[in-house]
PDB file of N, CA and C in Angstrom:
ATOM      1  N   UNK A   1     -22.114  95.127  26.827  1.00  0.00           N
ATOM      2  CA  UNK A   1     -22.931  94.017  26.372  1.00  0.00           C
ATOM      3  C   UNK A   1     -22.709  92.856  27.339  1.00  0.00           C
ATOM      4  N   UNK A   2     -23.773  92.190  27.720  1.00  0.00           N
ATOM      5  CA  UNK A   2     -23.662  91.113  28.670  1.00  0.00           C
ATOM      6  C   UNK A   2     -23.272  89.827  27.963  1.00  0.00           C
ATOM      7  N   UNK A   3     -22.538  88.996  28.661  1.00  0.00           N
ATOM      8  CA  UNK A   3     -22.067  87.745  28.071  1.00  0.00           C
ATOM      9  C   UNK A   3     -23.238  86.738  28.057  1.00  0.00           C
ATOM     10  N   UNK A   4     -23.289  85.936  26.941  1.00  0.00           N
ATOM     11  CA  UNK A   4     -24.303  84.876  26.852  1.00  0.00           C
ATOM     12  C   UNK A   4     -23.908  83.754  27.800  1.00  0.00           C
ATOM     13  N   UNK A   5     -24.836  83.405  28.620  1.00  0.00           N
ATOM     14  CA  UNK A   5     -24.599  82.329  29.542  1.00  0.00           C
ATOM     15  C   UNK A   5     -25.602  81.191  29.274  1.00  0.00           C
ATOM     16  N   UNK A   6     -25.253  79.946  29.672  1.00  0.00           N
ATOM     17  CA  UNK A   6     -26.208  78.849  29.491  1.00  0.00           C
ATOM     18  C   UNK A   6     -27.422  79.109  30.306  1.00  0.00           C
ATOM     19  N   UNK A   7     -28.554  78.540  29.863  1.00  0.00           N
ATOM     20  CA  UNK A   7     -29.764  78.744  30.621  1.00  0.00           C
ATOM     21  C   UNK A   7     -29.632  78.104  31.996  1.00  0.00           C
ATOM     22  N   UNK A   8     -30.412  78.511  32.902  1.00  0.00           N
ATOM     23  CA  UNK A   8     -30.320  77.930  34.235  1.00  0.00           C
ATOM     24  C   UNK A   8     -30.787  76.473  34.167  1.00  0.00           C
ATOM     25  N   UNK A   9     -30.086  75.605  34.763  1.00  0.00           N
ATOM     26  CA  UNK A   9     -30.402  74.165  34.679  1.00  0.00           C
ATOM     27  C   UNK A   9     -29.633  73.489  33.568  1.00  0.00           C
ATOM     28  N   UNK A  10     -28.934  74.230  32.720  1.00  0.00           N
ATOM     29  CA  UNK A  10     -28.093  73.662  31.648  1.00  0.00           C
ATOM     30  C   UNK A  10     -28.864  73.330  30.402  1.00  0.00           C
ATOM     31  N   UNK A  11     -28.074  73.033  29.383  1.00  0.00           N
ATOM     32  CA  UNK A  11     -28.671  72.665  28.125  1.00  0.00           C
ATOM     33  C   UNK A  11     -29.187  71.243  28.162  1.00  0.00           C
ATOM     34  N   UNK A  12     -30.106  70.925  27.248  1.00  0.00           N
ATOM     35  CA  UNK A  12     -30.584  69.533  27.152  1.00  0.00           C
ATOM     36  C   UNK A  12     -29.445  68.659  26.606  1.00  0.00           C
ATOM     37  N   UNK A  13     -29.410  67.416  26.987  1.00  0.00           N
ATOM     38  CA  UNK A  13     -28.337  66.548  26.454  1.00  0.00           C
ATOM     39  C   UNK A  13     -28.488  66.372  24.949  1.00  0.00           C
ATOM     40  N   UNK A  14     -27.360  66.345  24.270  1.00  0.00           N
ATOM     41  CA  UNK A  14     -27.346  66.196  22.814  1.00  0.00           C
ATOM     42  C   UNK A  14     -27.510  64.701  22.482  1.00  0.00           C
ATOM     43  N   UNK A  15     -28.463  64.373  21.616  1.00  0.00           N
ATOM     44  CA  UNK A  15     -28.677  62.975  21.230  1.00  0.00           C
ATOM     45  C   UNK A  15     -27.741  62.654  20.075  1.00  0.00           C
ATOM     46  N   UNK A  16     -26.694  61.910  20.353  1.00  0.00           N
ATOM     47  CA  UNK A  16     -25.729  61.496  19.343  1.00  0.00           C
ATOM     48  C   UNK A  16     -25.887  60.045  18.960  1.00  0.00           C
ATOM     49  N   UNK A  17     -26.640  59.294  19.736  1.00  0.00           N
ATOM     50  CA  UNK A  17     -26.856  57.881  19.454  1.00  0.00           C
ATOM     51  C   UNK A  17     -28.136  57.697  18.665  1.00  0.00           C
ATOM     52  N   UNK A  18     -28.102  56.741  17.703  1.00  0.00           N
ATOM     53  CA  UNK A  18     -29.339  56.469  16.977  1.00  0.00           C
ATOM     54  C   UNK A  18     -30.201  55.542  17.834  1.00  0.00           C
ATOM     55  N   UNK A  19     -31.438  55.823  17.869  1.00  0.00           N
ATOM     56  CA  UNK A  19     -32.358  55.026  18.701  1.00  0.00           C
ATOM     57  C   UNK A  19     -33.143  54.108  17.791  1.00  0.00           C
ATOM     58  N   UNK A  20     -32.467  53.013  17.339  1.00  0.00           N
ATOM     59  CA  UNK A  20     -33.106  52.052  16.452  1.00  0.00           C
ATOM     60  C   UNK A  20     -33.501  50.805  17.219  1.00  0.00           C
ATOM     61  N   UNK A  21     -34.637  50.243  16.906  1.00  0.00           N
ATOM     62  CA  UNK A  21     -34.984  48.974  17.571  1.00  0.00           C
ATOM     63  C   UNK A  21     -34.111  47.832  17.030  1.00  0.00           C
ATOM     64  N   UNK A  22     -33.837  46.846  17.881  1.00  0.00           N
ATOM     65  CA  UNK A  22     -32.996  45.716  17.460  1.00  0.00           C
ATOM     66  C   UNK A  22     -33.801  44.860  16.473  1.00  0.00           C
ATOM     67  N   UNK A  23     -33.168  44.507  15.361  1.00  0.00           N
ATOM     68  CA  UNK A  23     -33.858  43.659  14.366  1.00  0.00           C
ATOM     69  C   UNK A  23     -33.430  42.215  14.529  1.00  0.00           C
ATOM     70  N   UNK A  24     -34.376  41.320  14.416  1.00  0.00           N
ATOM     71  CA  UNK A  24     -34.072  39.914  14.444  1.00  0.00           C
ATOM     72  C   UNK A  24     -33.915  39.383  15.864  1.00  0.00           C
ATOM     73  N   UNK A  25     -33.380  38.144  15.940  1.00  0.00           N
ATOM     74  CA  UNK A  25     -33.225  37.491  17.222  1.00  0.00           C
ATOM     75  C   UNK A  25     -31.871  37.832  17.839  1.00  0.00           C
ATOM     76  N   UNK A  26     -31.678  37.377  19.028  1.00  0.00           N
ATOM     77  CA  UNK A  26     -30.375  37.539  19.653  1.00  0.00           C
ATOM     78  C   UNK A  26     -29.359  36.709  18.910  1.00  0.00           C
ATOM     79  N   UNK A  27     -28.092  37.135  18.863  1.00  0.00           N
ATOM     80  CA  UNK A  27     -27.075  36.332  18.186  1.00  0.00           C
ATOM     81  C   UNK A  27     -26.899  34.939  18.769  1.00  0.00           C
ATOM     82  N   UNK A  28     -27.204  34.750  20.025  1.00  0.00           N
ATOM     83  CA  UNK A  28     -27.054  33.416  20.615  1.00  0.00           C
ATOM     84  C   UNK A  28     -28.089  32.453  20.024  1.00  0.00           C
ATOM     85  N   UNK A  29     -29.281  32.980  19.646  1.00  0.00           N
ATOM     86  CA  UNK A  29     -30.271  32.114  19.010  1.00  0.00           C
ATOM     87  C   UNK A  29     -29.796  31.664  17.631  1.00  0.00           C
ATOM     88  N   UNK A  30     -29.212  32.605  16.893  1.00  0.00           N
ATOM     89  CA  UNK A  30     -28.671  32.266  15.564  1.00  0.00           C
ATOM     90  C   UNK A  30     -27.563  31.217  15.695  1.00  0.00           C
ATOM     91  N   UNK A  31     -26.698  31.396  16.684  1.00  0.00           N
ATOM     92  CA  UNK A  31     -25.603  30.464  16.901  1.00  0.00           C
ATOM     93  C   UNK A  31     -26.140  29.079  17.262  1.00  0.00           C
ATOM     94  N   UNK A  32     -27.155  29.063  18.120  1.00  0.00           N
ATOM     95  CA  UNK A  32     -27.759  27.779  18.510  1.00  0.00           C
ATOM     96  C   UNK A  32     -28.410  27.100  17.287  1.00  0.00           C
ATOM     97  N   UNK A  33     -29.124  27.877  16.472  1.00  0.00           N
ATOM     98  CA  UNK A  33     -29.757  27.319  15.281  1.00  0.00           C
ATOM     99  C   UNK A  33     -28.712  26.756  14.310  1.00  0.00           C
ATOM    100  N   UNK A  34     -27.631  27.470  14.094  1.00  0.00           N
ATOM    101  CA  UNK A  34     -26.569  26.989  13.169  1.00  0.00           C
ATOM    102  C   UNK A  34     -25.930  25.728  13.731  1.00  0.00           C
ATOM    103  N   UNK A  35     -25.733  25.673  15.063  1.00  0.00           N
ATOM    104  CA  UNK A  35     -25.165  24.490  15.657  1.00  0.00           C
ATOM    105  C   UNK A  35     -26.068  23.276  15.486  1.00  0.00           C
ATOM    106  N   UNK A  36     -27.381  23.484  15.652  1.00  0.00           N
ATOM    107  CA  UNK A  36     -28.322  22.384  15.460  1.00  0.00           C
ATOM    108  C   UNK A  36     -28.350  21.924  13.987  1.00  0.00           C
ATOM    109  N   UNK A  37     -28.337  22.871  13.087  1.00  0.00           N
ATOM    110  CA  UNK A  37     -28.338  22.519  11.662  1.00  0.00           C
ATOM    111  C   UNK A  37     -27.096  21.740  11.277  1.00  0.00           C
ATOM    112  N   UNK A  38     -25.929  22.189  11.746  1.00  0.00           N
ATOM    113  CA  UNK A  38     -24.673  21.488  11.441  1.00  0.00           C
ATOM    114  C   UNK A  38     -24.674  20.094  12.056  1.00  0.00           C
ATOM    115  N   UNK A  39     -25.181  19.976  13.288  1.00  0.00           N
ATOM    116  CA  UNK A  39     -25.209  18.658  13.940  1.00  0.00           C
ATOM    117  C   UNK A  39     -26.104  17.705  13.151  1.00  0.00           C
ATOM    118  N   UNK A  40     -27.271  18.184  12.726  1.00  0.00           N
ATOM    119  CA  UNK A  40     -28.177  17.338  11.952  1.00  0.00           C
ATOM    120  C   UNK A  40     -27.527  16.914  10.632  1.00  0.00           C
ATOM    121  N   UNK A  41     -26.857  17.874   9.961  1.00  0.00           N
ATOM    122  CA  UNK A  41     -26.203  17.564   8.686  1.00  0.00           C
ATOM    123  C   UNK A  41     -25.104  16.527   8.856  1.00  0.00           C
ATOM    124  N   UNK A  42     -24.295  16.640   9.926  1.00  0.00           N
ATOM    125  CA  UNK A  42     -23.250  15.668  10.163  1.00  0.00           C
ATOM    126  C   UNK A  42     -23.859  14.292  10.486  1.00  0.00           C
ATOM    127  N   UNK A  43     -24.949  14.302  11.219  1.00  0.00           N
ATOM    128  CA  UNK A  43     -25.640  13.050  11.551  1.00  0.00           C
ATOM    129  C   UNK A  43     -26.100  12.334  10.277  1.00  0.00           C
ATOM    130  N   UNK A  44     -26.770  13.107   9.376  1.00  0.00           N
ATOM    131  CA  UNK A  44     -27.274  12.506   8.141  1.00  0.00           C
ATOM    132  C   UNK A  44     -26.104  12.059   7.227  1.00  0.00           C
ATOM    133  N   UNK A  45     -25.018  12.849   7.218  1.00  0.00           N
ATOM    134  CA  UNK A  45     -23.832  12.465   6.414  1.00  0.00           C
ATOM    135  C   UNK A  45     -23.256  11.168   6.936  1.00  0.00           C
ATOM    136  N   UNK A  46     -23.131  11.048   8.258  1.00  0.00           N
ATOM    137  CA  UNK A  46     -22.611   9.803   8.848  1.00  0.00           C
ATOM    138  C   UNK A  46     -23.484   8.623   8.506  1.00  0.00           C
ATOM    139  N   UNK A  47     -24.791   8.771   8.571  1.00  0.00           N
ATOM    140  CA  UNK A  47     -25.688   7.664   8.243  1.00  0.00           C
ATOM    141  C   UNK A  47     -25.544   7.290   6.757  1.00  0.00           C
ATOM    142  N   UNK A  48     -25.413   8.312   5.902  1.00  0.00           N
ATOM    143  CA  UNK A  48     -25.268   8.054   4.472  1.00  0.00           C
ATOM    144  C   UNK A  48     -23.963   7.319   4.150  1.00  0.00           C
ATOM    145  N   UNK A  49     -22.881   7.719   4.814  1.00  0.00           N
ATOM    146  CA  UNK A  49     -21.603   7.066   4.603  1.00  0.00           C
ATOM    147  C   UNK A  49     -21.684   5.606   5.051  1.00  0.00           C
ATOM    148  N   UNK A  50     -22.344   5.384   6.235  1.00  0.00           N
ATOM    149  CA  UNK A  50     -22.497   4.007   6.728  1.00  0.00           C
ATOM    150  C   UNK A  50     -23.311   3.152   5.732  1.00  0.00           C
ATOM    151  N   UNK A  51     -24.359   3.737   5.169  1.00  0.00           N
ATOM    152  CA  UNK A  51     -25.182   3.007   4.237  1.00  0.00           C
ATOM    153  C   UNK A  51     -24.400   2.693   2.952  1.00  0.00           C
ATOM    154  N   UNK A  52     -23.613   3.660   2.470  1.00  0.00           N
ATOM    155  CA  UNK A  52     -22.785   3.435   1.258  1.00  0.00           C
ATOM    156  C   UNK A  52     -21.775   2.306   1.511  1.00  0.00           C
ATOM    157  N   UNK A  53     -21.170   2.320   2.709  1.00  0.00           N
ATOM    158  CA  UNK A  53     -20.220   1.265   3.007  1.00  0.00           C
ATOM    159  C   UNK A  53     -20.900  -0.107   3.032  1.00  0.00           C
ATOM    160  N   UNK A  54     -22.105  -0.141   3.596  1.00  0.00           N
ATOM    161  CA  UNK A  54     -22.834  -1.428   3.659  1.00  0.00           C
ATOM    162  C   UNK A  54     -23.217  -1.889   2.242  1.00  0.00           C
ATOM    163  N   UNK A  55     -23.642  -0.970   1.385  1.00  0.00           N
ATOM    164  CA  UNK A  55     -23.960  -1.383   0.002  1.00  0.00           C
ATOM    165  C   UNK A  55     -22.744  -1.830  -0.741  1.00  0.00           C
ATOM    166  N   UNK A  56     -21.599  -1.164  -0.529  1.00  0.00           N
ATOM    167  CA  UNK A  56     -20.350  -1.577  -1.188  1.00  0.00           C
ATOM    168  C   UNK A  56     -19.928  -2.976  -0.716  1.00  0.00           C
ATOM    169  N   UNK A  57     -20.089  -3.247   0.592  1.00  0.00           N
ATOM    170  CA  UNK A  57     -19.749  -4.568   1.128  1.00  0.00           C
ATOM    171  C   UNK A  57     -20.673  -5.635   0.568  1.00  0.00           C
ATOM    172  N   UNK A  58     -21.960  -5.323   0.463  1.00  0.00           N
ATOM    173  CA  UNK A  58     -22.917  -6.264  -0.134  1.00  0.00           C
ATOM    174  C   UNK A  58     -22.600  -6.530  -1.586  1.00  0.00           C
ATOM    175  N   UNK A  59     -22.234  -5.501  -2.337  1.00  0.00           N
ATOM    176  CA  UNK A  59     -21.901  -5.658  -3.742  1.00  0.00           C
ATOM    177  C   UNK A  59     -20.638  -6.530  -3.876  1.00  0.00           C
ATOM    178  N   UNK A  60     -19.654  -6.291  -3.037  1.00  0.00           N
ATOM    179  CA  UNK A  60     -18.414  -7.069  -3.094  1.00  0.00           C
ATOM    180  C   UNK A  60     -18.700  -8.554  -2.828  1.00  0.00           C
ATOM    181  N   UNK A  61     -19.492  -8.829  -1.799  1.00  0.00           N
ATOM    182  CA  UNK A  61     -19.771 -10.221  -1.472  1.00  0.00           C
ATOM    183  C   UNK A  61     -20.640 -10.891  -2.541  1.00  0.00           C
ATOM    184  N   UNK A  62     -21.538 -10.150  -3.152  1.00  0.00           N
ATOM    185  CA  UNK A  62     -22.337 -10.737  -4.229  1.00  0.00           C
ATOM    186  C   UNK A  62     -21.438 -11.099  -5.401  1.00  0.00           C
ATOM    187  N   UNK A  63     -20.486 -10.247  -5.699  1.00  0.00           N
ATOM    188  CA  UNK A  63     -19.550 -10.562  -6.777  1.00  0.00           C
ATOM    189  C   UNK A  63     -18.682 -11.760  -6.440  1.00  0.00           C
ATOM    190  N   UNK A  64     -18.242 -11.838  -5.160  1.00  0.00           N
ATOM    191  CA  UNK A  64     -17.455 -13.009  -4.727  1.00  0.00           C
ATOM    192  C   UNK A  64     -18.250 -14.307  -4.898  1.00  0.00           C
ATOM    193  N   UNK A  65     -19.549 -14.270  -4.572  1.00  0.00           N
ATOM    194  CA  UNK A  65     -20.348 -15.466  -4.664  1.00  0.00           C
ATOM    195  C   UNK A  65     -20.721 -15.776  -6.105  1.00  0.00           C
ATOM    196  N   UNK A  66     -20.639 -14.791  -7.010  1.00  0.00           N
ATOM    197  CA  UNK A  66     -20.949 -15.059  -8.415  1.00  0.00           C
ATOM    198  C   UNK A  66     -19.740 -15.554  -9.194  1.00  0.00           C
ATOM    199  N   UNK A  67     -18.559 -15.457  -8.681  1.00  0.00           N
ATOM    200  CA  UNK A  67     -17.349 -15.820  -9.430  1.00  0.00           C
ATOM    201  C   UNK A  67     -17.390 -17.291  -9.912  1.00  0.00           C
ATOM    202  N   UNK A  68     -17.758 -18.268  -9.107  1.00  0.00           N
ATOM    203  CA  UNK A  68     -17.776 -19.665  -9.627  1.00  0.00           C
ATOM    204  C   UNK A  68     -18.757 -19.839 -10.773  1.00  0.00           C
ATOM    205  N   UNK A  69     -19.928 -19.228 -10.697  1.00  0.00           N
ATOM    206  CA  UNK A  69     -20.909 -19.353 -11.796  1.00  0.00           C
ATOM    207  C   UNK A  69     -20.366 -18.673 -13.071  1.00  0.00           C
ATOM    208  N   UNK A  70     -19.787 -17.519 -12.937  1.00  0.00           N
ATOM    209  CA  UNK A  70     -19.219 -16.832 -14.119  1.00  0.00           C
ATOM    210  C   UNK A  70     -18.037 -17.621 -14.719  1.00  0.00           C
ATOM    211  N   UNK A  71     -17.233 -18.215 -13.838  1.00  0.00           N
ATOM    212  CA  UNK A  71     -16.121 -19.012 -14.331  1.00  0.00           C
ATOM    213  C   UNK A  71     -16.618 -20.243 -15.090  1.00  0.00           C
ATOM    214  N   UNK A  72     -17.674 -20.906 -14.556  1.00  0.00           N
ATOM    215  CA  UNK A  72     -18.243 -22.070 -15.233  1.00  0.00           C
ATOM    216  C   UNK A  72     -18.827 -21.663 -16.579  1.00  0.00           C
ATOM    217  N   UNK A  73     -19.494 -20.521 -16.644  1.00  0.00           N
ATOM    218  CA  UNK A  73     -20.050 -20.042 -17.918  1.00  0.00           C
ATOM    219  C   UNK A  73     -18.950 -19.752 -18.922  1.00  0.00           C
ATOM    220  N   UNK A  74     -17.855 -19.169 -18.442  1.00  0.00           N
ATOM    221  CA  UNK A  74     -16.721 -18.893 -19.346  1.00  0.00           C
ATOM    222  C   UNK A  74     -16.099 -20.198 -19.832  1.00  0.00           C
ATOM    223  N   UNK A  75     -15.996 -21.195 -18.950  1.00  0.00           N
ATOM    224  CA  UNK A  75     -15.445 -22.499 -19.347  1.00  0.00           C
ATOM    225  C   UNK A  75     -16.325 -23.174 -20.389  1.00  0.00           C
ATOM    226  N   UNK A  76     -17.645 -23.129 -20.178  1.00  0.00           N
ATOM    227  CA  UNK A  76     -18.556 -23.732 -21.168  1.00  0.00           C
ATOM    228  C   UNK A  76     -18.407 -23.044 -22.517  1.00  0.00           C
ATOM    229  N   UNK A  77     -18.283 -21.709 -22.512  1.00  0.00           N
ATOM    230  CA  UNK A  77     -18.129 -20.959 -23.764  1.00  0.00           C
ATOM    231  C   UNK A  77     -16.815 -21.372 -24.461  1.00  0.00           C
ATOM    232  N   UNK A  78     -15.739 -21.541 -23.647  1.00  0.00           N
ATOM    233  CA  UNK A  78     -14.475 -21.943 -24.224  1.00  0.00           C
ATOM    234  C   UNK A  78     -14.531 -23.329 -24.855  1.00  0.00           C
ATOM    235  N   UNK A  79     -15.199 -24.285 -24.154  1.00  0.00           N
ATOM    236  CA  UNK A  79     -15.339 -25.624 -24.708  1.00  0.00           C
ATOM    237  C   UNK A  79     -16.161 -25.584 -26.000  1.00  0.00           C
ATOM    238  N   UNK A  80     -17.248 -24.793 -26.024  1.00  0.00           N
ATOM    239  CA  UNK A  80     -18.052 -24.676 -27.223  1.00  0.00           C
ATOM    240  C   UNK A  80     -17.232 -24.137 -28.401  1.00  0.00           C
ATOM    241  N   UNK A  81     -16.382 -23.163 -28.105  1.00  0.00           N
ATOM    242  CA  UNK A  81     -15.533 -22.581 -29.172  1.00  0.00           C
ATOM    243  C   UNK A  81     -14.529 -23.620 -29.677  1.00  0.00           C
ATOM    244  N   UNK A  82     -13.959 -24.394 -28.748  1.00  0.00           N
ATOM    245  CA  UNK A  82     -12.985 -25.407 -29.173  1.00  0.00           C
ATOM    246  C   UNK A  82     -13.674 -26.464 -30.058  1.00  0.00           C
ATOM    247  N   UNK A  83     -14.861 -26.916 -29.674  1.00  0.00           N
ATOM    248  CA  UNK A  83     -15.597 -27.914 -30.453  1.00  0.00           C
ATOM    249  C   UNK A  83     -15.950 -27.330 -31.823  1.00  0.00           C
ATOM    250  N   UNK A  84     -16.386 -26.067 -31.879  1.00  0.00           N
ATOM    251  CA  UNK A  84     -16.706 -25.443 -33.159  1.00  0.00           C
ATOM    252  C   UNK A  84     -15.466 -25.334 -34.019  1.00  0.00           C
ATOM    253  N   UNK A  85     -14.321 -25.002 -33.394  1.00  0.00           N
ATOM    254  CA  UNK A  85     -13.065 -24.908 -34.162  1.00  0.00           C
ATOM    255  C   UNK A  85     -12.643 -26.265 -34.698  1.00  0.00           C
ATOM    256  N   UNK A  86     -12.785 -27.314 -33.885  1.00  0.00           N
ATOM    257  CA  UNK A  86     -12.425 -28.658 -34.395  1.00  0.00           C
ATOM    258  C   UNK A  86     -13.360 -29.104 -35.483  1.00  0.00           C
ATOM    259  N   UNK A  87     -14.687 -28.758 -35.378  1.00  0.00           N
ATOM    260  CA  UNK A  87     -15.629 -29.120 -36.434  1.00  0.00           C
ATOM    261  C   UNK A  87     -15.278 -28.392 -37.740  1.00  0.00           C
ATOM    262  N   UNK A  88     -14.923 -27.127 -37.626  1.00  0.00           N
ATOM    263  CA  UNK A  88     -14.536 -26.387 -38.833  1.00  0.00           C
ATOM    264  C   UNK A  88     -13.241 -26.945 -39.443  1.00  0.00           C
ATOM    265  N   UNK A  89     -12.302 -27.302 -38.583  1.00  0.00           N
ATOM    266  CA  UNK A  89     -11.062 -27.884 -39.068  1.00  0.00           C
ATOM    267  C   UNK A  89     -11.327 -29.227 -39.778  1.00  0.00           C
ATOM    268  N   UNK A  90     -12.195 -30.021 -39.144  1.00  0.00           N
ATOM    269  CA  UNK A  90     -12.546 -31.337 -39.730  1.00  0.00           C
ATOM    270  C   UNK A  90     -13.226 -31.131 -41.100  1.00  0.00           C
ATOM    271  N   UNK A  91     -14.060 -30.108 -41.210  1.00  0.00           N
ATOM    272  CA  UNK A  91     -14.735 -29.836 -42.460  1.00  0.00           C
ATOM    273  C   UNK A  91     -13.758 -29.400 -43.522  1.00  0.00           C
ATOM    274  N   UNK A  92     -12.768 -28.582 -43.149  1.00  0.00           N
ATOM    275  CA  UNK A  92     -11.790 -28.068 -44.097  1.00  0.00           C
ATOM    276  C   UNK A  92     -10.745 -29.110 -44.477  1.00  0.00           C
ATOM    277  N   UNK A  93     -10.242 -29.861 -43.507  1.00  0.00           N
ATOM    278  CA  UNK A  93      -9.117 -30.773 -43.739  1.00  0.00           C
ATOM    279  C   UNK A  93      -9.623 -32.171 -44.125  1.00  0.00           C
ATOM    280  N   UNK A  94     -10.819 -32.454 -43.822  1.00  0.00           N
ATOM    281  CA  UNK A  94     -11.361 -33.772 -44.200  1.00  0.00           C
ATOM    282  C   UNK A  94     -10.850 -34.876 -43.332  1.00  0.00           C
ATOM    283  N   UNK A  95     -11.330 -34.995 -42.178  1.00  0.00           N
ATOM    284  CA  UNK A  95     -10.934 -36.091 -41.286  1.00  0.00           C
ATOM    285  C   UNK A  95     -10.200 -35.584 -40.061  1.00  0.00           C
ATOM    286  N   UNK A  96      -9.762 -36.533 -39.279  1.00  0.00           N
ATOM    287  CA  UNK A  96      -9.052 -36.178 -38.028  1.00  0.00           C
ATOM    288  C   UNK A  96      -7.604 -35.852 -38.353  1.00  0.00           C
ATOM    289  N   UNK A  97      -7.159 -34.691 -37.916  1.00  0.00           N
ATOM    290  CA  UNK A  97      -5.748 -34.303 -38.131  1.00  0.00           C
ATOM    291  C   UNK A  97      -5.072 -34.184 -36.828  1.00  0.00           C
ATOM    292  N   UNK A  98      -3.773 -34.410 -36.797  1.00  0.00           N
ATOM    293  CA  UNK A  98      -3.020 -34.319 -35.586  1.00  0.00           C
ATOM    294  C   UNK A  98      -2.072 -33.124 -35.688  1.00  0.00           C
ATOM    295  N   UNK A  99      -1.958 -32.370 -34.626  1.00  0.00           N
ATOM    296  CA  UNK A  99      -1.151 -31.189 -34.628  1.00  0.00           C
ATOM    297  C   UNK A  99       0.301 -31.570 -34.306  1.00  0.00           C
ATOM    298  N   UNK A 100       1.202 -31.250 -35.209  1.00  0.00           N
ATOM    299  CA  UNK A 100       2.646 -31.513 -35.028  1.00  0.00           C
ATOM    300  C   UNK A 100       2.909 -32.969 -34.686  1.00  0.00           C
ATOM    301  N   UNK A 101       2.216 -33.873 -35.262  1.00  0.00           N
ATOM    302  CA  UNK A 101       2.395 -35.311 -35.099  1.00  0.00           C
ATOM    303  C   UNK A 101       2.324 -35.693 -33.619  1.00  0.00           C
ATOM    304  N   UNK A 102       1.457 -35.073 -32.862  1.00  0.00           N
ATOM    305  CA  UNK A 102       1.324 -35.397 -31.436  1.00  0.00           C
ATOM    306  C   UNK A 102       0.213 -36.437 -31.290  1.00  0.00           C
ATOM    307  N   UNK A 103       0.032 -36.930 -30.099  1.00  0.00           N
ATOM    308  CA  UNK A 103      -0.990 -37.940 -29.842  1.00  0.00           C
ATOM    309  C   UNK A 103      -2.258 -37.283 -29.310  1.00  0.00           C
ATOM    310  N   UNK A 104      -2.430 -36.016 -29.482  1.00  0.00           N
ATOM    311  CA  UNK A 104      -3.652 -35.350 -28.968  1.00  0.00           C
ATOM    312  C   UNK A 104      -4.842 -35.770 -29.761  1.00  0.00           C
TER     313      UNK A 104
END
């Protein structure tokens, strides 16, 4: 019996690799897009932080400028309460009274 030999010219090459088309863009395009998105996000974040700082500074200065008016309003309220208390005391005690025999 004769030995089996390869055909003349050899066998066809065996296809062991899958021949699939590449899906999507090149990875460098994805990397570039992510870099641009991150840069834009950091830019907007920086602008937002700057705006928040400016609003906080404006709020602080508005409160500083309102302190004298608020203090005057509190003082007027205190004087009104003292006068009301003295009027109530005068109504209850009947006349001018002196506290602990002082000259007030």
